[in-house]
Amino acid sequence: GGNTYFADSVKGRFTTSRDNAKNTI
């Protein structure tokens, strides 16, 4: 979860995260 990468079309509008304890992104 330490780094992320986005398509230009969604940059600034979308974020992504993960919770490895819950096995969920």
PDBML (XML) file of the C-alpha atoms, coordinates in Angstrom:
<?xml version="1.0" encoding="UTF-8" ?>
<PDBx:datablock datablockName="MODEL"
   xmlns:PDBx="http://pdbml.pdb.org/schema/pdbx-v50.xsd"
   xmlns:xsi="http://www.w3.org/2001/XMLSchema-instance"
   xsi:schemaLocation="http://pdbml.pdb.org/schema/pdbx-v50.xsd pdbx-v50.xsd">
   <PDBx:atom_siteCategory>
      <PDBx:atom_site id="1">
         <PDBx:B_iso_or_equiv>0.00</PDBx:B_iso_or_equiv>
         <PDBx:Cartn_x>0.000</PDBx:Cartn_x>
         <PDBx:Cartn_y>0.000</PDBx:Cartn_y>
         <PDBx:Cartn_z>0.000</PDBx:Cartn_z>
         <PDBx:auth_asym_id>A</PDBx:auth_asym_id>
         <PDBx:auth_atom_id>CA</PDBx:auth_atom_id>
         <PDBx:auth_comp_id>GLY</PDBx:auth_comp_id>
         <PDBx:auth_seq_id>1</PDBx:auth_seq_id>
         <PDBx:group_PDB>ATOM</PDBx:group_PDB>
         <PDBx:label_alt_id xsi:nil="true" />
         <PDBx:label_asym_id>A</PDBx:label_asym_id>
         <PDBx:label_atom_id>CA</PDBx:label_atom_id>
         <PDBx:label_comp_id>GLY</PDBx:label_comp_id>
         <PDBx:label_entity_id>1</PDBx:label_entity_id>
         <PDBx:label_seq_id>1</PDBx:label_seq_id>
         <PDBx:occupancy>1.00</PDBx:occupancy>
         <PDBx:pdbx_PDB_model_num>1</PDBx:pdbx_PDB_model_num>
         <PDBx:type_symbol>C</PDBx:type_symbol>
      </PDBx:atom_site>
      <PDBx:atom_site id="2">
         <PDBx:B_iso_or_equiv>0.00</PDBx:B_iso_or_equiv>
         <PDBx:Cartn_x>3.038</PDBx:Cartn_x>
         <PDBx:Cartn_y>2.230</PDBx:Cartn_y>
         <PDBx:Cartn_z>0.046</PDBx:Cartn_z>
         <PDBx:auth_asym_id>A</PDBx:auth_asym_id>
         <PDBx:auth_atom_id>CA</PDBx:auth_atom_id>
         <PDBx:auth_comp_id>GLY</PDBx:auth_comp_id>
         <PDBx:auth_seq_id>2</PDBx:auth_seq_id>
         <PDBx:group_PDB>ATOM</PDBx:group_PDB>
         <PDBx:label_alt_id xsi:nil="true" />
         <PDBx:label_asym_id>A</PDBx:label_asym_id>
         <PDBx:label_atom_id>CA</PDBx:label_atom_id>
         <PDBx:label_comp_id>GLY</PDBx:label_comp_id>
         <PDBx:label_entity_id>1</PDBx:label_entity_id>
         <PDBx:label_seq_id>2</PDBx:label_seq_id>
         <PDBx:occupancy>1.00</PDBx:occupancy>
         <PDBx:pdbx_PDB_model_num>1</PDBx:pdbx_PDB_model_num>
         <PDBx:type_symbol>C</PDBx:type_symbol>
      </PDBx:atom_site>
      <PDBx:atom_site id="3">
         <PDBx:B_iso_or_equiv>0.00</PDBx:B_iso_or_equiv>
         <PDBx:Cartn_x>2.748</PDBx:Cartn_x>
         <PDBx:Cartn_y>3.518</PDBx:Cartn_y>
         <PDBx:Cartn_z>-3.468</PDBx:Cartn_z>
         <PDBx:auth_asym_id>A</PDBx:auth_asym_id>
         <PDBx:auth_atom_id>CA</PDBx:auth_atom_id>
         <PDBx:auth_comp_id>ASN</PDBx:auth_comp_id>
         <PDBx:auth_seq_id>3</PDBx:auth_seq_id>
         <PDBx:group_PDB>ATOM</PDBx:group_PDB>
         <PDBx:label_alt_id xsi:nil="true" />
         <PDBx:label_asym_id>A</PDBx:label_asym_id>
         <PDBx:label_atom_id>CA</PDBx:label_atom_id>
         <PDBx:label_comp_id>ASN</PDBx:label_comp_id>
         <PDBx:label_entity_id>1</PDBx:label_entity_id>
         <PDBx:label_seq_id>3</PDBx:label_seq_id>
         <PDBx:occupancy>1.00</PDBx:occupancy>
         <PDBx:pdbx_PDB_model_num>1</PDBx:pdbx_PDB_model_num>
         <PDBx:type_symbol>C</PDBx:type_symbol>
      </PDBx:atom_site>
      <PDBx:atom_site id="4">
         <PDBx:B_iso_or_equiv>0.00</PDBx:B_iso_or_equiv>
         <PDBx:Cartn_x>0.079</PDBx:Cartn_x>
         <PDBx:Cartn_y>3.956</PDBx:Cartn_y>
         <PDBx:Cartn_z>-6.084</PDBx:Cartn_z>
         <PDBx:auth_asym_id>A</PDBx:auth_asym_id>
         <PDBx:auth_atom_id>CA</PDBx:auth_atom_id>
         <PDBx:auth_comp_id>THR</PDBx:auth_comp_id>
         <PDBx:auth_seq_id>4</PDBx:auth_seq_id>
         <PDBx:group_PDB>ATOM</PDBx:group_PDB>
         <PDBx:label_alt_id xsi:nil="true" />
         <PDBx:label_asym_id>A</PDBx:label_asym_id>
         <PDBx:label_atom_id>CA</PDBx:label_atom_id>
         <PDBx:label_comp_id>THR</PDBx:label_comp_id>
         <PDBx:label_entity_id>1</PDBx:label_entity_id>
         <PDBx:label_seq_id>4</PDBx:label_seq_id>
         <PDBx:occupancy>1.00</PDBx:occupancy>
         <PDBx:pdbx_PDB_model_num>1</PDBx:pdbx_PDB_model_num>
         <PDBx:type_symbol>C</PDBx:type_symbol>
      </PDBx:atom_site>
      <PDBx:atom_site id="5">
         <PDBx:B_iso_or_equiv>0.00</PDBx:B_iso_or_equiv>
         <PDBx:Cartn_x>-0.172</PDBx:Cartn_x>
         <PDBx:Cartn_y>4.742</PDBx:Cartn_y>
         <PDBx:Cartn_z>-9.772</PDBx:Cartn_z>
         <PDBx:auth_asym_id>A</PDBx:auth_asym_id>
         <PDBx:auth_atom_id>CA</PDBx:auth_atom_id>
         <PDBx:auth_comp_id>TYR</PDBx:auth_comp_id>
         <PDBx:auth_seq_id>5</PDBx:auth_seq_id>
         <PDBx:group_PDB>ATOM</PDBx:group_PDB>
         <PDBx:label_alt_id xsi:nil="true" />
         <PDBx:label_asym_id>A</PDBx:label_asym_id>
         <PDBx:label_atom_id>CA</PDBx:label_atom_id>
         <PDBx:label_comp_id>TYR</PDBx:label_comp_id>
         <PDBx:label_entity_id>1</PDBx:label_entity_id>
         <PDBx:label_seq_id>5</PDBx:label_seq_id>
         <PDBx:occupancy>1.00</PDBx:occupancy>
         <PDBx:pdbx_PDB_model_num>1</PDBx:pdbx_PDB_model_num>
         <PDBx:type_symbol>C</PDBx:type_symbol>
      </PDBx:atom_site>
      <PDBx:atom_site id="6">
         <PDBx:B_iso_or_equiv>0.00</PDBx:B_iso_or_equiv>
         <PDBx:Cartn_x>-3.132</PDBx:Cartn_x>
         <PDBx:Cartn_y>6.183</PDBx:Cartn_y>
         <PDBx:Cartn_z>-11.675</PDBx:Cartn_z>
         <PDBx:auth_asym_id>A</PDBx:auth_asym_id>
         <PDBx:auth_atom_id>CA</PDBx:auth_atom_id>
         <PDBx:auth_comp_id>PHE</PDBx:auth_comp_id>
         <PDBx:auth_seq_id>6</PDBx:auth_seq_id>
         <PDBx:group_PDB>ATOM</PDBx:group_PDB>
         <PDBx:label_alt_id xsi:nil="true" />
         <PDBx:label_asym_id>A</PDBx:label_asym_id>
         <PDBx:label_atom_id>CA</PDBx:label_atom_id>
         <PDBx:label_comp_id>PHE</PDBx:label_comp_id>
         <PDBx:label_entity_id>1</PDBx:label_entity_id>
         <PDBx:label_seq_id>6</PDBx:label_seq_id>
         <PDBx:occupancy>1.00</PDBx:occupancy>
         <PDBx:pdbx_PDB_model_num>1</PDBx:pdbx_PDB_model_num>
         <PDBx:type_symbol>C</PDBx:type_symbol>
      </PDBx:atom_site>
      <PDBx:atom_site id="7">
         <PDBx:B_iso_or_equiv>0.00</PDBx:B_iso_or_equiv>
         <PDBx:Cartn_x>-4.285</PDBx:Cartn_x>
         <PDBx:Cartn_y>6.651</PDBx:Cartn_y>
         <PDBx:Cartn_z>-15.218</PDBx:Cartn_z>
         <PDBx:auth_asym_id>A</PDBx:auth_asym_id>
         <PDBx:auth_atom_id>CA</PDBx:auth_atom_id>
         <PDBx:auth_comp_id>ALA</PDBx:auth_comp_id>
         <PDBx:auth_seq_id>7</PDBx:auth_seq_id>
         <PDBx:group_PDB>ATOM</PDBx:group_PDB>
         <PDBx:label_alt_id xsi:nil="true" />
         <PDBx:label_asym_id>A</PDBx:label_asym_id>
         <PDBx:label_atom_id>CA</PDBx:label_atom_id>
         <PDBx:label_comp_id>ALA</PDBx:label_comp_id>
         <PDBx:label_entity_id>1</PDBx:label_entity_id>
         <PDBx:label_seq_id>7</PDBx:label_seq_id>
         <PDBx:occupancy>1.00</PDBx:occupancy>
         <PDBx:pdbx_PDB_model_num>1</PDBx:pdbx_PDB_model_num>
         <PDBx:type_symbol>C</PDBx:type_symbol>
      </PDBx:atom_site>
      <PDBx:atom_site id="8">
         <PDBx:B_iso_or_equiv>0.00</PDBx:B_iso_or_equiv>
         <PDBx:Cartn_x>-4.229</PDBx:Cartn_x>
         <PDBx:Cartn_y>10.278</PDBx:Cartn_y>
         <PDBx:Cartn_z>-16.295</PDBx:Cartn_z>
         <PDBx:auth_asym_id>A</PDBx:auth_asym_id>
         <PDBx:auth_atom_id>CA</PDBx:auth_atom_id>
         <PDBx:auth_comp_id>ASP</PDBx:auth_comp_id>
         <PDBx:auth_seq_id>8</PDBx:auth_seq_id>
         <PDBx:group_PDB>ATOM</PDBx:group_PDB>
         <PDBx:label_alt_id xsi:nil="true" />
         <PDBx:label_asym_id>A</PDBx:label_asym_id>
         <PDBx:label_atom_id>CA</PDBx:label_atom_id>
         <PDBx:label_comp_id>ASP</PDBx:label_comp_id>
         <PDBx:label_entity_id>1</PDBx:label_entity_id>
         <PDBx:label_seq_id>8</PDBx:label_seq_id>
         <PDBx:occupancy>1.00</PDBx:occupancy>
         <PDBx:pdbx_PDB_model_num>1</PDBx:pdbx_PDB_model_num>
         <PDBx:type_symbol>C</PDBx:type_symbol>
      </PDBx:atom_site>
      <PDBx:atom_site id="9">
         <PDBx:B_iso_or_equiv>0.00</PDBx:B_iso_or_equiv>
         <PDBx:Cartn_x>-7.981</PDBx:Cartn_x>
         <PDBx:Cartn_y>10.192</PDBx:Cartn_y>
         <PDBx:Cartn_z>-16.844</PDBx:Cartn_z>
         <PDBx:auth_asym_id>A</PDBx:auth_asym_id>
         <PDBx:auth_atom_id>CA</PDBx:auth_atom_id>
         <PDBx:auth_comp_id>SER</PDBx:auth_comp_id>
         <PDBx:auth_seq_id>9</PDBx:auth_seq_id>
         <PDBx:group_PDB>ATOM</PDBx:group_PDB>
         <PDBx:label_alt_id xsi:nil="true" />
         <PDBx:label_asym_id>A</PDBx:label_asym_id>
         <PDBx:label_atom_id>CA</PDBx:label_atom_id>
         <PDBx:label_comp_id>SER</PDBx:label_comp_id>
         <PDBx:label_entity_id>1</PDBx:label_entity_id>
         <PDBx:label_seq_id>9</PDBx:label_seq_id>
         <PDBx:occupancy>1.00</PDBx:occupancy>
         <PDBx:pdbx_PDB_model_num>1</PDBx:pdbx_PDB_model_num>
         <PDBx:type_symbol>C</PDBx:type_symbol>
      </PDBx:atom_site>
      <PDBx:atom_site id="10">
         <PDBx:B_iso_or_equiv>0.00</PDBx:B_iso_or_equiv>
         <PDBx:Cartn_x>-8.687</PDBx:Cartn_x>
         <PDBx:Cartn_y>9.616</PDBx:Cartn_y>
         <PDBx:Cartn_z>-13.140</PDBx:Cartn_z>
         <PDBx:auth_asym_id>A</PDBx:auth_asym_id>
         <PDBx:auth_atom_id>CA</PDBx:auth_atom_id>
         <PDBx:auth_comp_id>VAL</PDBx:auth_comp_id>
         <PDBx:auth_seq_id>10</PDBx:auth_seq_id>
         <PDBx:group_PDB>ATOM</PDBx:group_PDB>
         <PDBx:label_alt_id xsi:nil="true" />
         <PDBx:label_asym_id>A</PDBx:label_asym_id>
         <PDBx:label_atom_id>CA</PDBx:label_atom_id>
         <PDBx:label_comp_id>VAL</PDBx:label_comp_id>
         <PDBx:label_entity_id>1</PDBx:label_entity_id>
         <PDBx:label_seq_id>10</PDBx:label_seq_id>
         <PDBx:occupancy>1.00</PDBx:occupancy>
         <PDBx:pdbx_PDB_model_num>1</PDBx:pdbx_PDB_model_num>
         <PDBx:type_symbol>C</PDBx:type_symbol>
      </PDBx:atom_site>
      <PDBx:atom_site id="11">
         <PDBx:B_iso_or_equiv>0.00</PDBx:B_iso_or_equiv>
         <PDBx:Cartn_x>-5.703</PDBx:Cartn_x>
         <PDBx:Cartn_y>11.284</PDBx:Cartn_y>
         <PDBx:Cartn_z>-11.495</PDBx:Cartn_z>
         <PDBx:auth_asym_id>A</PDBx:auth_asym_id>
         <PDBx:auth_atom_id>CA</PDBx:auth_atom_id>
         <PDBx:auth_comp_id>LYS</PDBx:auth_comp_id>
         <PDBx:auth_seq_id>11</PDBx:auth_seq_id>
         <PDBx:group_PDB>ATOM</PDBx:group_PDB>
         <PDBx:label_alt_id xsi:nil="true" />
         <PDBx:label_asym_id>A</PDBx:label_asym_id>
         <PDBx:label_atom_id>CA</PDBx:label_atom_id>
         <PDBx:label_comp_id>LYS</PDBx:label_comp_id>
         <PDBx:label_entity_id>1</PDBx:label_entity_id>
         <PDBx:label_seq_id>11</PDBx:label_seq_id>
         <PDBx:occupancy>1.00</PDBx:occupancy>
         <PDBx:pdbx_PDB_model_num>1</PDBx:pdbx_PDB_model_num>
         <PDBx:type_symbol>C</PDBx:type_symbol>
      </PDBx:atom_site>
      <PDBx:atom_site id="12">
         <PDBx:B_iso_or_equiv>0.00</PDBx:B_iso_or_equiv>
         <PDBx:Cartn_x>-6.853</PDBx:Cartn_x>
         <PDBx:Cartn_y>13.749</PDBx:Cartn_y>
         <PDBx:Cartn_z>-8.846</PDBx:Cartn_z>
         <PDBx:auth_asym_id>A</PDBx:auth_asym_id>
         <PDBx:auth_atom_id>CA</PDBx:auth_atom_id>
         <PDBx:auth_comp_id>GLY</PDBx:auth_comp_id>
         <PDBx:auth_seq_id>12</PDBx:auth_seq_id>
         <PDBx:group_PDB>ATOM</PDBx:group_PDB>
         <PDBx:label_alt_id xsi:nil="true" />
         <PDBx:label_asym_id>A</PDBx:label_asym_id>
         <PDBx:label_atom_id>CA</PDBx:label_atom_id>
         <PDBx:label_comp_id>GLY</PDBx:label_comp_id>
         <PDBx:label_entity_id>1</PDBx:label_entity_id>
         <PDBx:label_seq_id>12</PDBx:label_seq_id>
         <PDBx:occupancy>1.00</PDBx:occupancy>
         <PDBx:pdbx_PDB_model_num>1</PDBx:pdbx_PDB_model_num>
         <PDBx:type_symbol>C</PDBx:type_symbol>
      </PDBx:atom_site>
      <PDBx:atom_site id="13">
         <PDBx:B_iso_or_equiv>0.00</PDBx:B_iso_or_equiv>
         <PDBx:Cartn_x>-10.353</PDBx:Cartn_x>
         <PDBx:Cartn_y>12.254</PDBx:Cartn_y>
         <PDBx:Cartn_z>-8.705</PDBx:Cartn_z>
         <PDBx:auth_asym_id>A</PDBx:auth_asym_id>
         <PDBx:auth_atom_id>CA</PDBx:auth_atom_id>
         <PDBx:auth_comp_id>ARG</PDBx:auth_comp_id>
         <PDBx:auth_seq_id>13</PDBx:auth_seq_id>
         <PDBx:group_PDB>ATOM</PDBx:group_PDB>
         <PDBx:label_alt_id xsi:nil="true" />
         <PDBx:label_asym_id>A</PDBx:label_asym_id>
         <PDBx:label_atom_id>CA</PDBx:label_atom_id>
         <PDBx:label_comp_id>ARG</PDBx:label_comp_id>
         <PDBx:label_entity_id>1</PDBx:label_entity_id>
         <PDBx:label_seq_id>13</PDBx:label_seq_id>
         <PDBx:occupancy>1.00</PDBx:occupancy>
         <PDBx:pdbx_PDB_model_num>1</PDBx:pdbx_PDB_model_num>
         <PDBx:type_symbol>C</PDBx:type_symbol>
      </PDBx:atom_site>
      <PDBx:atom_site id="14">
         <PDBx:B_iso_or_equiv>0.00</PDBx:B_iso_or_equiv>
         <PDBx:Cartn_x>-9.756</PDBx:Cartn_x>
         <PDBx:Cartn_y>8.611</PDBx:Cartn_y>
         <PDBx:Cartn_z>-7.738</PDBx:Cartn_z>
         <PDBx:auth_asym_id>A</PDBx:auth_asym_id>
         <PDBx:auth_atom_id>CA</PDBx:auth_atom_id>
         <PDBx:auth_comp_id>PHE</PDBx:auth_comp_id>
         <PDBx:auth_seq_id>14</PDBx:auth_seq_id>
         <PDBx:group_PDB>ATOM</PDBx:group_PDB>
         <PDBx:label_alt_id xsi:nil="true" />
         <PDBx:label_asym_id>A</PDBx:label_asym_id>
         <PDBx:label_atom_id>CA</PDBx:label_atom_id>
         <PDBx:label_comp_id>PHE</PDBx:label_comp_id>
         <PDBx:label_entity_id>1</PDBx:label_entity_id>
         <PDBx:label_seq_id>14</PDBx:label_seq_id>
         <PDBx:occupancy>1.00</PDBx:occupancy>
         <PDBx:pdbx_PDB_model_num>1</PDBx:pdbx_PDB_model_num>
         <PDBx:type_symbol>C</PDBx:type_symbol>
      </PDBx:atom_site>
      <PDBx:atom_site id="15">
         <PDBx:B_iso_or_equiv>0.00</PDBx:B_iso_or_equiv>
         <PDBx:Cartn_x>-7.723</PDBx:Cartn_x>
         <PDBx:Cartn_y>7.149</PDBx:Cartn_y>
         <PDBx:Cartn_z>-4.920</PDBx:Cartn_z>
         <PDBx:auth_asym_id>A</PDBx:auth_asym_id>
         <PDBx:auth_atom_id>CA</PDBx:auth_atom_id>
         <PDBx:auth_comp_id>THR</PDBx:auth_comp_id>
         <PDBx:auth_seq_id>15</PDBx:auth_seq_id>
         <PDBx:group_PDB>ATOM</PDBx:group_PDB>
         <PDBx:label_alt_id xsi:nil="true" />
         <PDBx:label_asym_id>A</PDBx:label_asym_id>
         <PDBx:label_atom_id>CA</PDBx:label_atom_id>
         <PDBx:label_comp_id>THR</PDBx:label_comp_id>
         <PDBx:label_entity_id>1</PDBx:label_entity_id>
         <PDBx:label_seq_id>15</PDBx:label_seq_id>
         <PDBx:occupancy>1.00</PDBx:occupancy>
         <PDBx:pdbx_PDB_model_num>1</PDBx:pdbx_PDB_model_num>
         <PDBx:type_symbol>C</PDBx:type_symbol>
      </PDBx:atom_site>
      <PDBx:atom_site id="16">
         <PDBx:B_iso_or_equiv>0.00</PDBx:B_iso_or_equiv>
         <PDBx:Cartn_x>-6.977</PDBx:Cartn_x>
         <PDBx:Cartn_y>3.562</PDBx:Cartn_y>
         <PDBx:Cartn_z>-4.032</PDBx:Cartn_z>
         <PDBx:auth_asym_id>A</PDBx:auth_asym_id>
         <PDBx:auth_atom_id>CA</PDBx:auth_atom_id>
         <PDBx:auth_comp_id>THR</PDBx:auth_comp_id>
         <PDBx:auth_seq_id>16</PDBx:auth_seq_id>
         <PDBx:group_PDB>ATOM</PDBx:group_PDB>
         <PDBx:label_alt_id xsi:nil="true" />
         <PDBx:label_asym_id>A</PDBx:label_asym_id>
         <PDBx:label_atom_id>CA</PDBx:label_atom_id>
         <PDBx:label_comp_id>THR</PDBx:label_comp_id>
         <PDBx:label_entity_id>1</PDBx:label_entity_id>
         <PDBx:label_seq_id>16</PDBx:label_seq_id>
         <PDBx:occupancy>1.00</PDBx:occupancy>
         <PDBx:pdbx_PDB_model_num>1</PDBx:pdbx_PDB_model_num>
         <PDBx:type_symbol>C</PDBx:type_symbol>
      </PDBx:atom_site>
      <PDBx:atom_site id="17">
         <PDBx:B_iso_or_equiv>0.00</PDBx:B_iso_or_equiv>
         <PDBx:Cartn_x>-6.063</PDBx:Cartn_x>
         <PDBx:Cartn_y>1.963</PDBx:Cartn_y>
         <PDBx:Cartn_z>-0.737</PDBx:Cartn_z>
         <PDBx:auth_asym_id>A</PDBx:auth_asym_id>
         <PDBx:auth_atom_id>CA</PDBx:auth_atom_id>
         <PDBx:auth_comp_id>SER</PDBx:auth_comp_id>
         <PDBx:auth_seq_id>17</PDBx:auth_seq_id>
         <PDBx:group_PDB>ATOM</PDBx:group_PDB>
         <PDBx:label_alt_id xsi:nil="true" />
         <PDBx:label_asym_id>A</PDBx:label_asym_id>
         <PDBx:label_atom_id>CA</PDBx:label_atom_id>
         <PDBx:label_comp_id>SER</PDBx:label_comp_id>
         <PDBx:label_entity_id>1</PDBx:label_entity_id>
         <PDBx:label_seq_id>17</PDBx:label_seq_id>
         <PDBx:occupancy>1.00</PDBx:occupancy>
         <PDBx:pdbx_PDB_model_num>1</PDBx:pdbx_PDB_model_num>
         <PDBx:type_symbol>C</PDBx:type_symbol>
      </PDBx:atom_site>
      <PDBx:atom_site id="18">
         <PDBx:B_iso_or_equiv>0.00</PDBx:B_iso_or_equiv>
         <PDBx:Cartn_x>-5.819</PDBx:Cartn_x>
         <PDBx:Cartn_y>-1.457</PDBx:Cartn_y>
         <PDBx:Cartn_z>0.819</PDBx:Cartn_z>
         <PDBx:auth_asym_id>A</PDBx:auth_asym_id>
         <PDBx:auth_atom_id>CA</PDBx:auth_atom_id>
         <PDBx:auth_comp_id>ARG</PDBx:auth_comp_id>
         <PDBx:auth_seq_id>18</PDBx:auth_seq_id>
         <PDBx:group_PDB>ATOM</PDBx:group_PDB>
         <PDBx:label_alt_id xsi:nil="true" />
         <PDBx:label_asym_id>A</PDBx:label_asym_id>
         <PDBx:label_atom_id>CA</PDBx:label_atom_id>
         <PDBx:label_comp_id>ARG</PDBx:label_comp_id>
         <PDBx:label_entity_id>1</PDBx:label_entity_id>
         <PDBx:label_seq_id>18</PDBx:label_seq_id>
         <PDBx:occupancy>1.00</PDBx:occupancy>
         <PDBx:pdbx_PDB_model_num>1</PDBx:pdbx_PDB_model_num>
         <PDBx:type_symbol>C</PDBx:type_symbol>
      </PDBx:atom_site>
      <PDBx:atom_site id="19">
         <PDBx:B_iso_or_equiv>0.00</PDBx:B_iso_or_equiv>
         <PDBx:Cartn_x>-6.409</PDBx:Cartn_x>
         <PDBx:Cartn_y>-3.044</PDBx:Cartn_y>
         <PDBx:Cartn_z>4.171</PDBx:Cartn_z>
         <PDBx:auth_asym_id>A</PDBx:auth_asym_id>
         <PDBx:auth_atom_id>CA</PDBx:auth_atom_id>
         <PDBx:auth_comp_id>ASP</PDBx:auth_comp_id>
         <PDBx:auth_seq_id>19</PDBx:auth_seq_id>
         <PDBx:group_PDB>ATOM</PDBx:group_PDB>
         <PDBx:label_alt_id xsi:nil="true" />
         <PDBx:label_asym_id>A</PDBx:label_asym_id>
         <PDBx:label_atom_id>CA</PDBx:label_atom_id>
         <PDBx:label_comp_id>ASP</PDBx:label_comp_id>
         <PDBx:label_entity_id>1</PDBx:label_entity_id>
         <PDBx:label_seq_id>19</PDBx:label_seq_id>
         <PDBx:occupancy>1.00</PDBx:occupancy>
         <PDBx:pdbx_PDB_model_num>1</PDBx:pdbx_PDB_model_num>
         <PDBx:type_symbol>C</PDBx:type_symbol>
      </PDBx:atom_site>
      <PDBx:atom_site id="20">
         <PDBx:B_iso_or_equiv>0.00</PDBx:B_iso_or_equiv>
         <PDBx:Cartn_x>-4.313</PDBx:Cartn_x>
         <PDBx:Cartn_y>-6.184</PDBx:Cartn_y>
         <PDBx:Cartn_z>4.289</PDBx:Cartn_z>
         <PDBx:auth_asym_id>A</PDBx:auth_asym_id>
         <PDBx:auth_atom_id>CA</PDBx:auth_atom_id>
         <PDBx:auth_comp_id>ASN</PDBx:auth_comp_id>
         <PDBx:auth_seq_id>20</PDBx:auth_seq_id>
         <PDBx:group_PDB>ATOM</PDBx:group_PDB>
         <PDBx:label_alt_id xsi:nil="true" />
         <PDBx:label_asym_id>A</PDBx:label_asym_id>
         <PDBx:label_atom_id>CA</PDBx:label_atom_id>
         <PDBx:label_comp_id>ASN</PDBx:label_comp_id>
         <PDBx:label_entity_id>1</PDBx:label_entity_id>
         <PDBx:label_seq_id>20</PDBx:label_seq_id>
         <PDBx:occupancy>1.00</PDBx:occupancy>
         <PDBx:pdbx_PDB_model_num>1</PDBx:pdbx_PDB_model_num>
         <PDBx:type_symbol>C</PDBx:type_symbol>
      </PDBx:atom_site>
      <PDBx:atom_site id="21">
         <PDBx:B_iso_or_equiv>0.00</PDBx:B_iso_or_equiv>
         <PDBx:Cartn_x>-5.856</PDBx:Cartn_x>
         <PDBx:Cartn_y>-7.204</PDBx:Cartn_y>
         <PDBx:Cartn_z>7.592</PDBx:Cartn_z>
         <PDBx:auth_asym_id>A</PDBx:auth_asym_id>
         <PDBx:auth_atom_id>CA</PDBx:auth_atom_id>
         <PDBx:auth_comp_id>ALA</PDBx:auth_comp_id>
         <PDBx:auth_seq_id>21</PDBx:auth_seq_id>
         <PDBx:group_PDB>ATOM</PDBx:group_PDB>
         <PDBx:label_alt_id xsi:nil="true" />
         <PDBx:label_asym_id>A</PDBx:label_asym_id>
         <PDBx:label_atom_id>CA</PDBx:label_atom_id>
         <PDBx:label_comp_id>ALA</PDBx:label_comp_id>
         <PDBx:label_entity_id>1</PDBx:label_entity_id>
         <PDBx:label_seq_id>21</PDBx:label_seq_id>
         <PDBx:occupancy>1.00</PDBx:occupancy>
         <PDBx:pdbx_PDB_model_num>1</PDBx:pdbx_PDB_model_num>
         <PDBx:type_symbol>C</PDBx:type_symbol>
      </PDBx:atom_site>
      <PDBx:atom_site id="22">
         <PDBx:B_iso_or_equiv>0.00</PDBx:B_iso_or_equiv>
         <PDBx:Cartn_x>-9.222</PDBx:Cartn_x>
         <PDBx:Cartn_y>-7.358</PDBx:Cartn_y>
         <PDBx:Cartn_z>5.827</PDBx:Cartn_z>
         <PDBx:auth_asym_id>A</PDBx:auth_asym_id>
         <PDBx:auth_atom_id>CA</PDBx:auth_atom_id>
         <PDBx:auth_comp_id>LYS</PDBx:auth_comp_id>
         <PDBx:auth_seq_id>22</PDBx:auth_seq_id>
         <PDBx:group_PDB>ATOM</PDBx:group_PDB>
         <PDBx:label_alt_id xsi:nil="true" />
         <PDBx:label_asym_id>A</PDBx:label_asym_id>
         <PDBx:label_atom_id>CA</PDBx:label_atom_id>
         <PDBx:label_comp_id>LYS</PDBx:label_comp_id>
         <PDBx:label_entity_id>1</PDBx:label_entity_id>
         <PDBx:label_seq_id>22</PDBx:label_seq_id>
         <PDBx:occupancy>1.00</PDBx:occupancy>
         <PDBx:pdbx_PDB_model_num>1</PDBx:pdbx_PDB_model_num>
         <PDBx:type_symbol>C</PDBx:type_symbol>
      </PDBx:atom_site>
      <PDBx:atom_site id="23">
         <PDBx:B_iso_or_equiv>0.00</PDBx:B_iso_or_equiv>
         <PDBx:Cartn_x>-7.858</PDBx:Cartn_x>
         <PDBx:Cartn_y>-8.666</PDBx:Cartn_y>
         <PDBx:Cartn_z>2.521</PDBx:Cartn_z>
         <PDBx:auth_asym_id>A</PDBx:auth_asym_id>
         <PDBx:auth_atom_id>CA</PDBx:auth_atom_id>
         <PDBx:auth_comp_id>ASN</PDBx:auth_comp_id>
         <PDBx:auth_seq_id>23</PDBx:auth_seq_id>
         <PDBx:group_PDB>ATOM</PDBx:group_PDB>
         <PDBx:label_alt_id xsi:nil="true" />
         <PDBx:label_asym_id>A</PDBx:label_asym_id>
         <PDBx:label_atom_id>CA</PDBx:label_atom_id>
         <PDBx:label_comp_id>ASN</PDBx:label_comp_id>
         <PDBx:label_entity_id>1</PDBx:label_entity_id>
         <PDBx:label_seq_id>23</PDBx:label_seq_id>
         <PDBx:occupancy>1.00</PDBx:occupancy>
         <PDBx:pdbx_PDB_model_num>1</PDBx:pdbx_PDB_model_num>
         <PDBx:type_symbol>C</PDBx:type_symbol>
      </PDBx:atom_site>
      <PDBx:atom_site id="24">
         <PDBx:B_iso_or_equiv>0.00</PDBx:B_iso_or_equiv>
         <PDBx:Cartn_x>-9.608</PDBx:Cartn_x>
         <PDBx:Cartn_y>-5.808</PDBx:Cartn_y>
         <PDBx:Cartn_z>0.784</PDBx:Cartn_z>
         <PDBx:auth_asym_id>A</PDBx:auth_asym_id>
         <PDBx:auth_atom_id>CA</PDBx:auth_atom_id>
         <PDBx:auth_comp_id>THR</PDBx:auth_comp_id>
         <PDBx:auth_seq_id>24</PDBx:auth_seq_id>
         <PDBx:group_PDB>ATOM</PDBx:group_PDB>
         <PDBx:label_alt_id xsi:nil="true" />
         <PDBx:label_asym_id>A</PDBx:label_asym_id>
         <PDBx:label_atom_id>CA</PDBx:label_atom_id>
         <PDBx:label_comp_id>THR</PDBx:label_comp_id>
         <PDBx:label_entity_id>1</PDBx:label_entity_id>
         <PDBx:label_seq_id>24</PDBx:label_seq_id>
         <PDBx:occupancy>1.00</PDBx:occupancy>
         <PDBx:pdbx_PDB_model_num>1</PDBx:pdbx_PDB_model_num>
         <PDBx:type_symbol>C</PDBx:type_symbol>
      </PDBx:atom_site>
      <PDBx:atom_site id="25">
         <PDBx:B_iso_or_equiv>0.00</PDBx:B_iso_or_equiv>
         <PDBx:Cartn_x>-8.696</PDBx:Cartn_x>
         <PDBx:Cartn_y>-2.999</PDBx:Cartn_y>
         <PDBx:Cartn_z>-1.546</PDBx:Cartn_z>
         <PDBx:auth_asym_id>A</PDBx:auth_asym_id>
         <PDBx:auth_atom_id>CA</PDBx:auth_atom_id>
         <PDBx:auth_comp_id>ILE</PDBx:auth_comp_id>
         <PDBx:auth_seq_id>25</PDBx:auth_seq_id>
         <PDBx:group_PDB>ATOM</PDBx:group_PDB>
         <PDBx:label_alt_id xsi:nil="true" />
         <PDBx:label_asym_id>A</PDBx:label_asym_id>
         <PDBx:label_atom_id>CA</PDBx:label_atom_id>
         <PDBx:label_comp_id>ILE</PDBx:label_comp_id>
         <PDBx:label_entity_id>1</PDBx:label_entity_id>
         <PDBx:label_seq_id>25</PDBx:label_seq_id>
         <PDBx:occupancy>1.00</PDBx:occupancy>
         <PDBx:pdbx_PDB_model_num>1</PDBx:pdbx_PDB_model_num>
         <PDBx:type_symbol>C</PDBx:type_symbol>
      </PDBx:atom_site>
   </PDBx:atom_siteCategory>
</PDBx:datablock>
